[in-house]
C-alpha atoms as a PDB file:
ATOM      1  CA  UNK A   1     -86.508  11.213  12.682  1.00  0.00           C
ATOM      2  CA  UNK A   2     -86.632  10.758   8.887  1.00  0.00           C
ATOM      3  CA  UNK A   3     -86.362   7.184   7.646  1.00  0.00           C
ATOM      4  CA  UNK A   4     -83.183   6.109   5.872  1.00  0.00           C
ATOM      5  CA  UNK A   5     -83.911   5.440   2.204  1.00  0.00           C
ATOM      6  CA  UNK A   6     -81.710   2.806   0.577  1.00  0.00           C
ATOM      7  CA  UNK A   7     -81.517   2.924  -3.212  1.00  0.00           C
ATOM      8  CA  UNK A   8     -79.224   1.796  -5.991  1.00  0.00           C
ATOM      9  CA  UNK A   9     -76.556   4.008  -7.490  1.00  0.00           C
ATOM     10  CA  UNK A  10     -75.889   6.604  -8.702  1.00  0.00           C
ATOM     11  CA  UNK A  11     -76.098   8.642  -5.513  1.00  0.00           C
ATOM     12  CA  UNK A  12     -74.566  11.861  -6.842  1.00  0.00           C
ATOM     13  CA  UNK A  13     -77.041  14.509  -7.967  1.00  0.00           C
ATOM     14  CA  UNK A  14     -76.183  17.402 -10.242  1.00  0.00           C
ATOM     15  CA  UNK A  15     -78.288  20.372 -11.236  1.00  0.00           C
ATOM     16  CA  UNK A  16     -76.651  20.441 -14.660  1.00  0.00           C
ATOM     17  CA  UNK A  17     -78.812  19.296 -17.551  1.00  0.00           C
ATOM     18  CA  UNK A  18     -77.942  18.463 -21.136  1.00  0.00           C
ATOM     19  CA  UNK A  19     -79.467  21.750 -22.260  1.00  0.00           C
ATOM     20  CA  UNK A  20     -77.444  23.725 -19.686  1.00  0.00           C
ATOM     21  CA  UNK A  21     -74.171  22.038 -20.696  1.00  0.00           C
ATOM     22  CA  UNK A  22     -74.820  22.589 -24.412  1.00  0.00           C
ATOM     23  CA  UNK A  23     -75.759  26.203 -23.759  1.00  0.00           C
ATOM     24  CA  UNK A  24     -72.463  26.637 -21.927  1.00  0.00           C
ATOM     25  CA  UNK A  25     -70.645  25.319 -24.998  1.00  0.00           C
ATOM     26  CA  UNK A  26     -72.532  27.763 -27.228  1.00  0.00           C
ATOM     27  CA  UNK A  27     -71.635  30.635 -24.895  1.00  0.00           C
ATOM     28  CA  UNK A  28     -68.001  29.535 -24.919  1.00  0.00           C
ATOM     29  CA  UNK A  29     -67.991  29.548 -28.726  1.00  0.00           C
ATOM     30  CA  UNK A  30     -69.377  33.081 -29.017  1.00  0.00           C
ATOM     31  CA  UNK A  31     -65.988  34.867 -28.732  1.00  0.00           C
ATOM     32  CA  UNK A  32     -64.582  32.741 -31.571  1.00  0.00           C
ATOM     33  CA  UNK A  33     -67.750  33.307 -33.600  1.00  0.00           C
ATOM     34  CA  UNK A  34     -67.438  37.057 -33.107  1.00  0.00           C
ATOM     35  CA  UNK A  35     -63.773  36.889 -34.132  1.00  0.00           C
ATOM     36  CA  UNK A  36     -64.688  34.963 -37.274  1.00  0.00           C
ATOM     37  CA  UNK A  37     -67.245  37.591 -38.261  1.00  0.00           C
ATOM     38  CA  UNK A  38     -64.826  40.420 -37.472  1.00  0.00           C
ATOM     39  CA  UNK A  39     -61.992  38.990 -39.561  1.00  0.00           C
ATOM     40  CA  UNK A  40     -64.003  37.474 -42.429  1.00  0.00           C
ATOM     41  CA  UNK A  41     -67.039  39.741 -42.577  1.00  0.00           C
ATOM     42  CA  UNK A  42     -70.756  39.107 -42.911  1.00  0.00           C
ATOM     43  CA  UNK A  43     -70.284  35.994 -45.018  1.00  0.00           C
ATOM     44  CA  UNK A  44     -68.839  34.210 -41.974  1.00  0.00           C
ATOM     45  CA  UNK A  45     -71.989  35.036 -40.004  1.00  0.00           C
ATOM     46  CA  UNK A  46     -74.135  33.815 -42.894  1.00  0.00           C
ATOM     47  CA  UNK A  47     -72.297  30.475 -43.024  1.00  0.00           C
ATOM     48  CA  UNK A  48     -72.738  30.037 -39.254  1.00  0.00           C
ATOM     49  CA  UNK A  49     -76.452  30.832 -39.391  1.00  0.00           C
ATOM     50  CA  UNK A  50     -77.059  28.497 -42.344  1.00  0.00           C
ATOM     51  CA  UNK A  51     -75.100  25.702 -40.684  1.00  0.00           C
ATOM     52  CA  UNK A  52     -76.932  26.013 -37.344  1.00  0.00           C
ATOM     53  CA  UNK A  53     -80.401  26.273 -38.921  1.00  0.00           C
ATOM     54  CA  UNK A  54     -79.678  23.286 -41.180  1.00  0.00           C
ATOM     55  CA  UNK A  55     -78.543  21.205 -38.210  1.00  0.00           C
ATOM     56  CA  UNK A  56     -81.611  22.089 -36.121  1.00  0.00           C
ATOM     57  CA  UNK A  57     -84.019  21.482 -39.015  1.00  0.00           C
ATOM     58  CA  UNK A  58     -82.368  18.166 -39.912  1.00  0.00           C
ATOM     59  CA  UNK A  59     -82.621  16.964 -36.323  1.00  0.00           C
ATOM     60  CA  UNK A  60     -86.308  17.910 -36.108  1.00  0.00           C
ATOM     61  CA  UNK A  61     -87.153  16.277 -39.456  1.00  0.00           C
ATOM     62  CA  UNK A  62     -85.266  13.058 -38.722  1.00  0.00           C
ATOM     63  CA  UNK A  63     -86.786  12.702 -35.268  1.00  0.00           C
ATOM     64  CA  UNK A  64     -90.254  13.318 -36.695  1.00  0.00           C
ATOM     65  CA  UNK A  65     -89.733  10.696 -39.395  1.00  0.00           C
ATOM     66  CA  UNK A  66     -88.446   8.206 -36.823  1.00  0.00           C
ATOM     67  CA  UNK A  67     -91.403   9.033 -34.548  1.00  0.00           C
ATOM     68  CA  UNK A  68     -89.091  10.054 -31.732  1.00  0.00           C
ATOM     69  CA  UNK A  69     -89.462  13.051 -29.397  1.00  0.00           C
ATOM     70  CA  UNK A  70     -88.094  16.208 -30.987  1.00  0.00           C
ATOM     71  CA  UNK A  71     -85.201  17.385 -28.801  1.00  0.00           C
ATOM     72  CA  UNK A  72     -83.973  20.475 -30.617  1.00  0.00           C
ATOM     73  CA  UNK A  73     -84.455  22.479 -27.426  1.00  0.00           C
ATOM     74  CA  UNK A  74     -81.440  20.760 -25.829  1.00  0.00           C
ATOM     75  CA  UNK A  75     -79.044  22.955 -27.894  1.00  0.00           C
ATOM     76  CA  UNK A  76     -76.996  19.956 -29.067  1.00  0.00           C
ATOM     77  CA  UNK A  77     -77.920  20.498 -32.724  1.00  0.00           C
ATOM     78  CA  UNK A  78     -76.949  24.166 -32.372  1.00  0.00           C
ATOM     79  CA  UNK A  79     -73.533  23.117 -31.048  1.00  0.00           C
ATOM     80  CA  UNK A  80     -73.054  20.677 -33.935  1.00  0.00           C
ATOM     81  CA  UNK A  81     -74.015  23.267 -36.538  1.00  0.00           C
ATOM     82  CA  UNK A  82     -71.760  25.905 -35.035  1.00  0.00           C
ATOM     83  CA  UNK A  83     -68.859  23.472 -34.733  1.00  0.00           C
ATOM     84  CA  UNK A  84     -69.255  22.501 -38.374  1.00  0.00           C
ATOM     85  CA  UNK A  85     -69.260  26.141 -39.461  1.00  0.00           C
ATOM     86  CA  UNK A  86     -66.078  26.701 -37.464  1.00  0.00           C
ATOM     87  CA  UNK A  87     -64.423  23.952 -39.537  1.00  0.00           C
ATOM     88  CA  UNK A  88     -65.283  25.520 -42.895  1.00  0.00           C
ATOM     89  CA  UNK A  89     -63.268  28.087 -44.862  1.00  0.00           C
ATOM     90  CA  UNK A  90     -65.041  31.409 -45.424  1.00  0.00           C
ATOM     91  CA  UNK A  91     -64.902  30.741 -49.167  1.00  0.00           C
ATOM     92  CA  UNK A  92     -67.226  27.717 -49.296  1.00  0.00           C
ATOM     93  CA  UNK A  93     -70.449  27.931 -51.337  1.00  0.00           C
ATOM     94  CA  UNK A  94     -73.504  28.392 -49.151  1.00  0.00           C
ATOM     95  CA  UNK A  95     -74.946  24.969 -49.940  1.00  0.00           C
ATOM     96  CA  UNK A  96     -71.943  23.205 -48.401  1.00  0.00           C
ATOM     97  CA  UNK A  97     -72.852  23.881 -44.723  1.00  0.00           C
ATOM     98  CA  UNK A  98     -76.368  22.608 -45.497  1.00  0.00           C
ATOM     99  CA  UNK A  99     -74.979  19.315 -46.789  1.00  0.00           C
ATOM    100  CA  UNK A 100     -72.478  19.108 -43.952  1.00  0.00           C
ATOM    101  CA  UNK A 101     -75.087  19.697 -41.245  1.00  0.00           C
ATOM    102  CA  UNK A 102     -77.365  17.060 -42.757  1.00  0.00           C
ATOM    103  CA  UNK A 103     -74.509  14.547 -42.740  1.00  0.00           C
ATOM    104  CA  UNK A 104     -73.509  15.414 -39.168  1.00  0.00           C
ATOM    105  CA  UNK A 105     -77.013  15.138 -37.725  1.00  0.00           C
ATOM    106  CA  UNK A 106     -78.716  12.463 -39.824  1.00  0.00           C
ATOM    107  CA  UNK A 107     -75.822  10.145 -40.615  1.00  0.00           C
ATOM    108  CA  UNK A 108     -73.430  10.476 -37.688  1.00  0.00           C
ATOM    109  CA  UNK A 109     -75.731  11.418 -34.796  1.00  0.00           C
ATOM    110  CA  UNK A 110     -79.318  10.232 -35.281  1.00  0.00           C
ATOM    111  CA  UNK A 111     -78.513   7.076 -37.257  1.00  0.00           C
ATOM    112  CA  UNK A 112     -76.705   5.742 -34.192  1.00  0.00           C
ATOM    113  CA  UNK A 113     -79.424   6.637 -31.691  1.00  0.00           C
ATOM    114  CA  UNK A 114     -79.106  10.357 -31.137  1.00  0.00           C
ATOM    115  CA  UNK A 115     -77.311  12.389 -28.504  1.00  0.00           C
ATOM    116  CA  UNK A 116     -75.063  10.262 -26.319  1.00  0.00           C
ATOM    117  CA  UNK A 117     -74.941   7.337 -28.748  1.00  0.00           C
ATOM    118  CA  UNK A 118     -72.789   8.738 -31.546  1.00  0.00           C
ATOM    119  CA  UNK A 119     -69.379   7.067 -31.522  1.00  0.00           C
ATOM    120  CA  UNK A 120     -67.554   9.993 -33.125  1.00  0.00           C
ATOM    121  CA  UNK A 121     -67.868  13.753 -33.171  1.00  0.00           C
ATOM    122  CA  UNK A 122     -70.618  14.596 -35.716  1.00  0.00           C
ATOM    123  CA  UNK A 123     -69.159  17.907 -36.873  1.00  0.00           C
ATOM    124  CA  UNK A 124     -65.682  16.450 -37.412  1.00  0.00           C
ATOM    125  CA  UNK A 125     -67.035  13.403 -39.223  1.00  0.00           C
ATOM    126  CA  UNK A 126     -69.018  15.693 -41.526  1.00  0.00           C
ATOM    127  CA  UNK A 127     -65.919  17.819 -42.145  1.00  0.00           C
ATOM    128  CA  UNK A 128     -63.920  14.730 -43.103  1.00  0.00           C
ATOM    129  CA  UNK A 129     -66.626  13.673 -45.570  1.00  0.00           C
ATOM    130  CA  UNK A 130     -66.837  17.163 -47.068  1.00  0.00           C
ATOM    131  CA  UNK A 131     -63.065  17.267 -47.393  1.00  0.00           C
ATOM    132  CA  UNK A 132     -63.063  13.970 -49.272  1.00  0.00           C
ATOM    133  CA  UNK A 133     -65.991  14.934 -51.504  1.00  0.00           C
ATOM    134  CA  UNK A 134     -65.146  18.589 -52.241  1.00  0.00           C
ATOM    135  CA  UNK A 135     -61.427  19.048 -51.489  1.00  0.00           C
ATOM    136  CA  UNK A 136     -61.087  22.222 -53.554  1.00  0.00           C
ATOM    137  CA  UNK A 137     -63.864  24.023 -51.669  1.00  0.00           C
ATOM    138  CA  UNK A 138     -62.511  22.797 -48.327  1.00  0.00           C
ATOM    139  CA  UNK A 139     -58.929  23.893 -48.952  1.00  0.00           C
ATOM    140  CA  UNK A 140     -59.461  27.249 -50.649  1.00  0.00           C
ATOM    141  CA  UNK A 141     -58.576  30.094 -48.326  1.00  0.00           C
ATOM    142  CA  UNK A 142     -58.814  33.855 -48.467  1.00  0.00           C
ATOM    143  CA  UNK A 143     -57.149  36.693 -46.638  1.00  0.00           C
ATOM    144  CA  UNK A 144     -59.202  38.138 -43.782  1.00  0.00           C
ATOM    145  CA  UNK A 145     -60.992  41.393 -44.445  1.00  0.00           C
ATOM    146  CA  UNK A 146     -59.401  42.902 -41.328  1.00  0.00           C
ATOM    147  CA  UNK A 147     -56.085  42.290 -39.707  1.00  0.00           C
ATOM    148  CA  UNK A 148     -54.574  40.181 -42.481  1.00  0.00           C
ATOM    149  CA  UNK A 149     -51.182  39.275 -41.162  1.00  0.00           C
ATOM    150  CA  UNK A 150     -49.809  39.169 -44.673  1.00  0.00           C
ATOM    151  CA  UNK A 151     -50.921  42.742 -45.325  1.00  0.00           C
ATOM    152  CA  UNK A 152     -52.764  41.761 -48.486  1.00  0.00           C
ATOM    153  CA  UNK A 153     -55.897  43.452 -49.743  1.00  0.00           C
ATOM    154  CA  UNK A 154     -59.357  42.696 -48.468  1.00  0.00           C
ATOM    155  CA  UNK A 155     -61.337  39.892 -50.038  1.00  0.00           C
ATOM    156  CA  UNK A 156     -64.319  40.574 -52.285  1.00  0.00           C
ATOM    157  CA  UNK A 157     -67.100  38.041 -51.925  1.00  0.00           C
ATOM    158  CA  UNK A 158     -69.667  36.834 -54.422  1.00  0.00           C
ATOM    159  CA  UNK A 159     -72.934  35.001 -53.944  1.00  0.00           C
ATOM    160  CA  UNK A 160     -71.487  31.618 -54.938  1.00  0.00           C
ATOM    161  CA  UNK A 161     -68.241  32.033 -53.043  1.00  0.00           C
ATOM    162  CA  UNK A 162     -65.097  34.091 -52.942  1.00  0.00           C
ATOM    163  CA  UNK A 163     -64.339  34.941 -56.540  1.00  0.00           C
ATOM    164  CA  UNK A 164     -60.826  36.135 -55.846  1.00  0.00           C
ATOM    165  CA  UNK A 165     -59.983  33.467 -53.278  1.00  0.00           C
ATOM    166  CA  UNK A 166     -57.144  31.125 -54.122  1.00  0.00           C
ATOM    167  CA  UNK A 167     -55.602  28.013 -52.634  1.00  0.00           C
ATOM    168  CA  UNK A 168     -53.136  30.203 -50.790  1.00  0.00           C
ATOM    169  CA  UNK A 169     -50.707  29.281 -48.052  1.00  0.00           C
ATOM    170  CA  UNK A 170     -51.711  28.902 -44.432  1.00  0.00           C
ATOM    171  CA  UNK A 171     -49.154  28.959 -41.593  1.00  0.00           C
ATOM    172  CA  UNK A 172     -49.241  25.154 -41.437  1.00  0.00           C
ATOM    173  CA  UNK A 173     -48.609  24.862 -45.171  1.00  0.00           C
ATOM    174  CA  UNK A 174     -45.580  27.123 -44.765  1.00  0.00           C
ATOM    175  CA  UNK A 175     -44.320  25.104 -41.786  1.00  0.00           C
ATOM    176  CA  UNK A 176     -44.649  21.925 -43.824  1.00  0.00           C
ATOM    177  CA  UNK A 177     -42.725  23.428 -46.714  1.00  0.00           C
ATOM    178  CA  UNK A 178     -45.621  23.165 -49.155  1.00  0.00           C
ATOM    179  CA  UNK A 179     -45.667  26.921 -49.746  1.00  0.00           C
ATOM    180  CA  UNK A 180     -43.027  29.564 -49.108  1.00  0.00           C
ATOM    181  CA  UNK A 181     -40.434  29.530 -46.348  1.00  0.00           C
ATOM    182  CA  UNK A 182     -40.564  30.015 -42.579  1.00  0.00           C
ATOM    183  CA  UNK A 183     -39.375  33.588 -43.077  1.00  0.00           C
ATOM    184  CA  UNK A 184     -42.795  34.249 -44.632  1.00  0.00           C
ATOM    185  CA  UNK A 185     -44.686  33.133 -41.542  1.00  0.00           C
ATOM    186  CA  UNK A 186     -46.954  35.849 -40.137  1.00  0.00           C
ATOM    187  CA  UNK A 187     -46.059  37.244 -36.713  1.00  0.00           C
ATOM    188  CA  UNK A 188     -46.952  34.888 -33.883  1.00  0.00           C
ATOM    189  CA  UNK A 189     -49.141  37.526 -32.228  1.00  0.00           C
ATOM    190  CA  UNK A 190     -51.182  37.818 -35.436  1.00  0.00           C
ATOM    191  CA  UNK A 191     -51.848  34.082 -35.346  1.00  0.00           C
ATOM    192  CA  UNK A 192     -52.850  34.151 -31.678  1.00  0.00           C
ATOM    193  CA  UNK A 193     -55.135  37.176 -31.920  1.00  0.00           C
ATOM    194  CA  UNK A 194     -56.471  36.410 -35.398  1.00  0.00           C
ATOM    195  CA  UNK A 195     -56.274  37.564 -38.950  1.00  0.00           C
ATOM    196  CA  UNK A 196     -54.595  34.680 -40.773  1.00  0.00           C
ATOM    197  CA  UNK A 197     -55.928  32.363 -43.453  1.00  0.00           C
ATOM    198  CA  UNK A 198     -57.840  29.370 -42.171  1.00  0.00           C
ATOM    199  CA  UNK A 199     -61.253  28.093 -41.152  1.00  0.00           C
ATOM    200  CA  UNK A 200     -63.806  30.409 -39.574  1.00  0.00           C
ATOM    201  CA  UNK A 201     -63.477  29.174 -36.026  1.00  0.00           C
ATOM    202  CA  UNK A 202     -59.722  28.712 -35.817  1.00  0.00           C
ATOM    203  CA  UNK A 203     -58.604  32.183 -36.861  1.00  0.00           C
ATOM    204  CA  UNK A 204     -58.328  33.531 -33.289  1.00  0.00           C
ATOM    205  CA  UNK A 205     -56.698  31.323 -30.652  1.00  0.00           C
ATOM    206  CA  UNK A 206     -57.215  34.071 -28.088  1.00  0.00           C
ATOM    207  CA  UNK A 207     -60.998  33.902 -28.551  1.00  0.00           C
ATOM    208  CA  UNK A 208     -60.927  30.102 -28.342  1.00  0.00           C
ATOM    209  CA  UNK A 209     -58.885  30.215 -25.129  1.00  0.00           C
ATOM    210  CA  UNK A 210     -61.338  32.678 -23.565  1.00  0.00           C
ATOM    211  CA  UNK A 211     -64.159  30.235 -24.277  1.00  0.00           C
ATOM    212  CA  UNK A 212     -62.078  27.303 -23.044  1.00  0.00           C
ATOM    213  CA  UNK A 213     -61.417  29.098 -19.768  1.00  0.00           C
ATOM    214  CA  UNK A 214     -65.175  29.506 -19.335  1.00  0.00           C
ATOM    215  CA  UNK A 215     -65.775  25.785 -19.952  1.00  0.00           C
ATOM    216  CA  UNK A 216     -63.056  24.846 -17.456  1.00  0.00           C
ATOM    217  CA  UNK A 217     -64.490  27.269 -14.901  1.00  0.00           C
ATOM    218  CA  UNK A 218     -67.952  25.794 -15.379  1.00  0.00           C
ATOM    219  CA  UNK A 219     -66.429  22.291 -15.188  1.00  0.00           C
ATOM    220  CA  UNK A 220     -68.043  21.361 -18.469  1.00  0.00           C
ATOM    221  CA  UNK A 221     -64.718  19.941 -19.658  1.00  0.00           C
ATOM    222  CA  UNK A 222     -61.624  18.585 -17.934  1.00  0.00           C
ATOM    223  CA  UNK A 223     -58.046  19.744 -18.522  1.00  0.00           C
ATOM    224  CA  UNK A 224     -56.779  16.233 -19.223  1.00  0.00           C
ATOM    225  CA  UNK A 225     -57.545  15.843 -22.946  1.00  0.00           C
ATOM    226  CA  UNK A 226     -56.654  19.401 -24.033  1.00  0.00           C
ATOM    227  CA  UNK A 227     -53.411  19.607 -22.044  1.00  0.00           C
ATOM    228  CA  UNK A 228     -52.166  16.151 -23.035  1.00  0.00           C
ATOM    229  CA  UNK A 229     -53.198  16.772 -26.671  1.00  0.00           C
ATOM    230  CA  UNK A 230     -51.518  20.181 -27.010  1.00  0.00           C
ATOM    231  CA  UNK A 231     -48.515  19.121 -24.919  1.00  0.00           C
ATOM    232  CA  UNK A 232     -47.868  16.077 -27.095  1.00  0.00           C
ATOM    233  CA  UNK A 233     -48.047  18.125 -30.296  1.00  0.00           C
ATOM    234  CA  UNK A 234     -45.676  20.716 -28.825  1.00  0.00           C
ATOM    235  CA  UNK A 235     -43.159  18.084 -27.732  1.00  0.00           C
ATOM    236  CA  UNK A 236     -43.146  16.057 -30.947  1.00  0.00           C
ATOM    237  CA  UNK A 237     -43.100  18.999 -33.359  1.00  0.00           C
ATOM    238  CA  UNK A 238     -40.173  20.447 -31.402  1.00  0.00           C
ATOM    239  CA  UNK A 239     -38.179  17.210 -31.298  1.00  0.00           C
ATOM    240  CA  UNK A 240     -38.844  16.130 -34.889  1.00  0.00           C
ATOM    241  CA  UNK A 241     -37.776  19.353 -36.561  1.00  0.00           C
ATOM    242  CA  UNK A 242     -37.114  19.802 -40.283  1.00  0.00           C
ATOM    243  CA  UNK A 243     -33.393  20.467 -39.712  1.00  0.00           C
ATOM    244  CA  UNK A 244     -32.828  17.591 -37.313  1.00  0.00           C
ATOM    245  CA  UNK A 245     -33.730  16.782 -33.724  1.00  0.00           C
ATOM    246  CA  UNK A 246     -34.969  19.625 -31.508  1.00  0.00           C
ATOM    247  CA  UNK A 247     -35.226  22.141 -34.362  1.00  0.00           C
ATOM    248  CA  UNK A 248     -38.998  22.218 -34.773  1.00  0.00           C
ATOM    249  CA  UNK A 249     -41.138  25.337 -34.438  1.00  0.00           C
ATOM    250  CA  UNK A 250     -43.423  24.019 -31.710  1.00  0.00           C
ATOM    251  CA  UNK A 251     -44.951  27.399 -30.788  1.00  0.00           C
ATOM    252  CA  UNK A 252     -46.278  27.963 -34.302  1.00  0.00           C
ATOM    253  CA  UNK A 253     -47.587  24.400 -34.433  1.00  0.00           C
ATOM    254  CA  UNK A 254     -49.518  24.962 -31.201  1.00  0.00           C
ATOM    255  CA  UNK A 255     -51.243  28.130 -32.331  1.00  0.00           C
ATOM    256  CA  UNK A 256     -51.661  27.340 -36.037  1.00  0.00           C
ATOM    257  CA  UNK A 257     -54.511  25.403 -37.590  1.00  0.00           C
ATOM    258  CA  UNK A 258     -57.326  23.788 -35.634  1.00  0.00           C
ATOM    259  CA  UNK A 259     -55.398  22.480 -32.623  1.00  0.00           C
ATOM    260  CA  UNK A 260     -57.006  24.772 -30.037  1.00  0.00           C
ATOM    261  CA  UNK A 261     -60.471  24.266 -31.499  1.00  0.00           C
ATOM    262  CA  UNK A 262     -60.045  20.505 -31.645  1.00  0.00           C
ATOM    263  CA  UNK A 263     -58.371  20.062 -28.265  1.00  0.00           C
ATOM    264  CA  UNK A 264     -60.794  22.094 -26.157  1.00  0.00           C
ATOM    265  CA  UNK A 265     -64.094  21.774 -28.003  1.00  0.00           C
ATOM    266  CA  UNK A 266     -64.118  18.573 -30.092  1.00  0.00           C
ATOM    267  CA  UNK A 267     -61.856  16.004 -28.481  1.00  0.00           C
ATOM    268  CA  UNK A 268     -63.720  16.619 -25.201  1.00  0.00           C
ATOM    269  CA  UNK A 269     -67.107  15.587 -26.620  1.00  0.00           C
ATOM    270  CA  UNK A 270     -68.794  13.488 -23.930  1.00  0.00           C
ATOM    271  CA  UNK A 271     -70.217  10.835 -26.232  1.00  0.00           C
ATOM    272  CA  UNK A 272     -67.024  10.047 -28.103  1.00  0.00           C
ATOM    273  CA  UNK A 273     -64.276  10.511 -25.498  1.00  0.00           C
ATOM    274  CA  UNK A 274     -63.180   8.253 -22.608  1.00  0.00           C
ATOM    275  CA  UNK A 275     -64.886   8.585 -19.256  1.00  0.00           C
ATOM    276  CA  UNK A 276     -61.928   7.618 -17.069  1.00  0.00           C
ATOM    277  CA  UNK A 277     -59.230  10.159 -16.128  1.00  0.00           C
ATOM    278  CA  UNK A 278     -56.438   7.862 -17.314  1.00  0.00           C
ATOM    279  CA  UNK A 279     -58.332   7.176 -20.540  1.00  0.00           C
ATOM    280  CA  UNK A 280     -58.719  10.891 -21.216  1.00  0.00           C
ATOM    281  CA  UNK A 281     -54.961  11.418 -20.943  1.00  0.00           C
ATOM    282  CA  UNK A 282     -54.364   8.441 -23.242  1.00  0.00           C
ATOM    283  CA  UNK A 283     -56.768   9.925 -25.777  1.00  0.00           C
ATOM    284  CA  UNK A 284     -55.066  13.314 -25.626  1.00  0.00           C
ATOM    285  CA  UNK A 285     -51.640  11.767 -26.152  1.00  0.00           C
ATOM    286  CA  UNK A 286     -52.968   9.604 -28.992  1.00  0.00           C
ATOM    287  CA  UNK A 287     -54.521  12.626 -30.698  1.00  0.00           C
ATOM    288  CA  UNK A 288     -51.272  14.530 -30.306  1.00  0.00           C
ATOM    289  CA  UNK A 289     -49.168  11.724 -31.805  1.00  0.00           C
ATOM    290  CA  UNK A 290     -51.445  11.261 -34.830  1.00  0.00           C
ATOM    291  CA  UNK A 291     -51.739  15.008 -35.410  1.00  0.00           C
ATOM    292  CA  UNK A 292     -47.967  15.421 -35.304  1.00  0.00           C
ATOM    293  CA  UNK A 293     -47.339  12.504 -37.672  1.00  0.00           C
ATOM    294  CA  UNK A 294     -49.800  13.863 -40.234  1.00  0.00           C
ATOM    295  CA  UNK A 295     -48.483  17.417 -39.941  1.00  0.00           C
ATOM    296  CA  UNK A 296     -44.833  16.406 -40.214  1.00  0.00           C
ATOM    297  CA  UNK A 297     -44.906  13.433 -42.583  1.00  0.00           C
ATOM    298  CA  UNK A 298     -48.361  13.250 -44.195  1.00  0.00           C
ATOM    299  CA  UNK A 299     -49.516  14.748 -47.437  1.00  0.00           C
ATOM    300  CA  UNK A 300     -51.927  17.110 -45.690  1.00  0.00           C
ATOM    301  CA  UNK A 301     -50.694  20.012 -43.510  1.00  0.00           C
ATOM    302  CA  UNK A 302     -53.340  19.515 -40.804  1.00  0.00           C
ATOM    303  CA  UNK A 303     -54.112  16.374 -38.822  1.00  0.00           C
ATOM    304  CA  UNK A 304     -56.420  17.417 -35.982  1.00  0.00           C
ATOM    305  CA  UNK A 305     -59.630  16.164 -37.611  1.00  0.00           C
ATOM    306  CA  UNK A 306     -58.375  12.683 -38.414  1.00  0.00           C
ATOM    307  CA  UNK A 307     -56.556  12.260 -35.114  1.00  0.00           C
ATOM    308  CA  UNK A 308     -59.709  12.944 -33.102  1.00  0.00           C
ATOM    309  CA  UNK A 309     -61.869  10.699 -35.298  1.00  0.00           C
ATOM    310  CA  UNK A 310     -59.386   7.815 -35.032  1.00  0.00           C
ATOM    311  CA  UNK A 311     -59.210   8.172 -31.249  1.00  0.00           C
ATOM    312  CA  UNK A 312     -63.030   8.380 -31.112  1.00  0.00           C
ATOM    313  CA  UNK A 313     -63.111   4.911 -32.654  1.00  0.00           C
ATOM    314  CA  UNK A 314     -60.591   3.699 -30.055  1.00  0.00           C
ATOM    315  CA  UNK A 315     -62.522   5.174 -27.114  1.00  0.00           C
ATOM    316  CA  UNK A 316     -64.481   2.002 -26.157  1.00  0.00           C
ATOM    317  CA  UNK A 317     -61.223   0.048 -26.055  1.00  0.00           C
ATOM    318  CA  UNK A 318     -59.543   2.740 -23.972  1.00  0.00           C
ATOM    319  CA  UNK A 319     -62.435   2.754 -21.499  1.00  0.00           C
ATOM    320  CA  UNK A 320     -62.340  -1.027 -21.268  1.00  0.00           C
ATOM    321  CA  UNK A 321     -58.686  -1.142 -20.214  1.00  0.00           C
ATOM    322  CA  UNK A 322     -58.679   1.952 -17.989  1.00  0.00           C
ATOM    323  CA  UNK A 323     -61.874   1.311 -16.035  1.00  0.00           C
ATOM    324  CA  UNK A 324     -60.995   1.057 -12.315  1.00  0.00           C
ATOM    325  CA  UNK A 325     -61.467  -2.282 -10.607  1.00  0.00           C
ATOM    326  CA  UNK A 326     -64.809  -2.711  -8.846  1.00  0.00           C
ATOM    327  CA  UNK A 327     -64.236  -4.295  -5.449  1.00  0.00           C
ATOM    328  CA  UNK A 328     -66.797  -6.814  -4.313  1.00  0.00           C
ATOM    329  CA  UNK A 329     -67.659  -7.944  -7.855  1.00  0.00           C
ATOM    330  CA  UNK A 330     -68.419 -11.649  -8.272  1.00  0.00           C
ATOM    331  CA  UNK A 331     -65.859 -13.498 -10.360  1.00  0.00           C
ATOM    332  CA  UNK A 332     -67.147 -14.812 -13.673  1.00  0.00           C
ATOM    333  CA  UNK A 333     -65.614 -18.289 -13.153  1.00  0.00           C
ATOM    334  CA  UNK A 334     -67.299 -18.894  -9.790  1.00  0.00           C
END
C-alpha cells in the first residue's frame, strides 16, 4: 500500500504551461491576422512582423540588462507584439510599432516585474500612449485593398505610410455623428466579415470570433468577461439612442470598432483581470459601461482601450471584495 503524502495546497495539477497558453492565444489570433493581411495587403503583414520582432527583442535586451533569465520562448512577447499590431491602423509609419512594442514590454511589462506582474495590459497601455503622442498617425484610416464596404478605390502605399490615406470616417464615427449619417453605414455583413476602415486586427469580427471559439474550447479564457462586456455595451447603446430611449443601433455598436478584440483577447488577460468569477463579471460590466459612455458622450468615437485600462487598475480592489470567504481562518482580533 502506498503511503499517504500530506502537502500544502494547491492540490490541482494542470498540464498547461505559460508557453502552451500563449501559443494558444497566438493560434487564436491567426485568423484575424490573415484577415488583416487579406484586406490591407502586405503592409499589414509587415507591421505585424515588425511589432512582434520588436517586442521579442526588447524583452530579451531588457532581461539581459537586468540580469534576469531570458524568457522569450514563452511566447508572451509574441502575443504582446501581435496584439499591439492589431491595435494600429494600416497607415502608421513603420517606426511606430517599434516604439509601441518597446513601451509595452520595457515600460508596462518588465518594469513591474515581468509576466504575471503587470497591472494593466501592455499592448493596450502602449496603444494609449501612442494615441496621446501621435494622434494623427493613430487616427488616420484607409480603405481596405479588398472588400471595401464603401466601394472606394484601393489604397496605394508608400514607404513612410499611406500617401493617399485620410482621416476618413469609420462606422463608429458615423454612429457618433462625427462624419456622415447612419444611411452611409456600410452593410452589417461587411463589418462582420471584414473590409471596413479600422485597425488591422479589428477589421473582421468573424475571424476574431473563430479565434475566440478556439480559446473557449481550450478553456484558455472564460465566457464571463466577454459576455458581460459585450452584453453591457449592447444594452446601453440600445437604450441610450440618439433619438431618445431605445433608439440606439446596438448591433452596429457590437460589431464596430475594437469591441470583439478587446472583450475576448485583452480584457481577459490573466495578469490584469480579476480571478474570481463574480469579479470577472463585474469587470466586464464596468468595461461595458465605460465603453458606452465614451462612445455615446465622449469626444472620441471608441472607448474600448480606456475602459479596459481603467478596469485593470480597479482589478485588485475587485478581487479584494469578491474573494470568497475562507472557512477556518483565524480572526485577526483574536
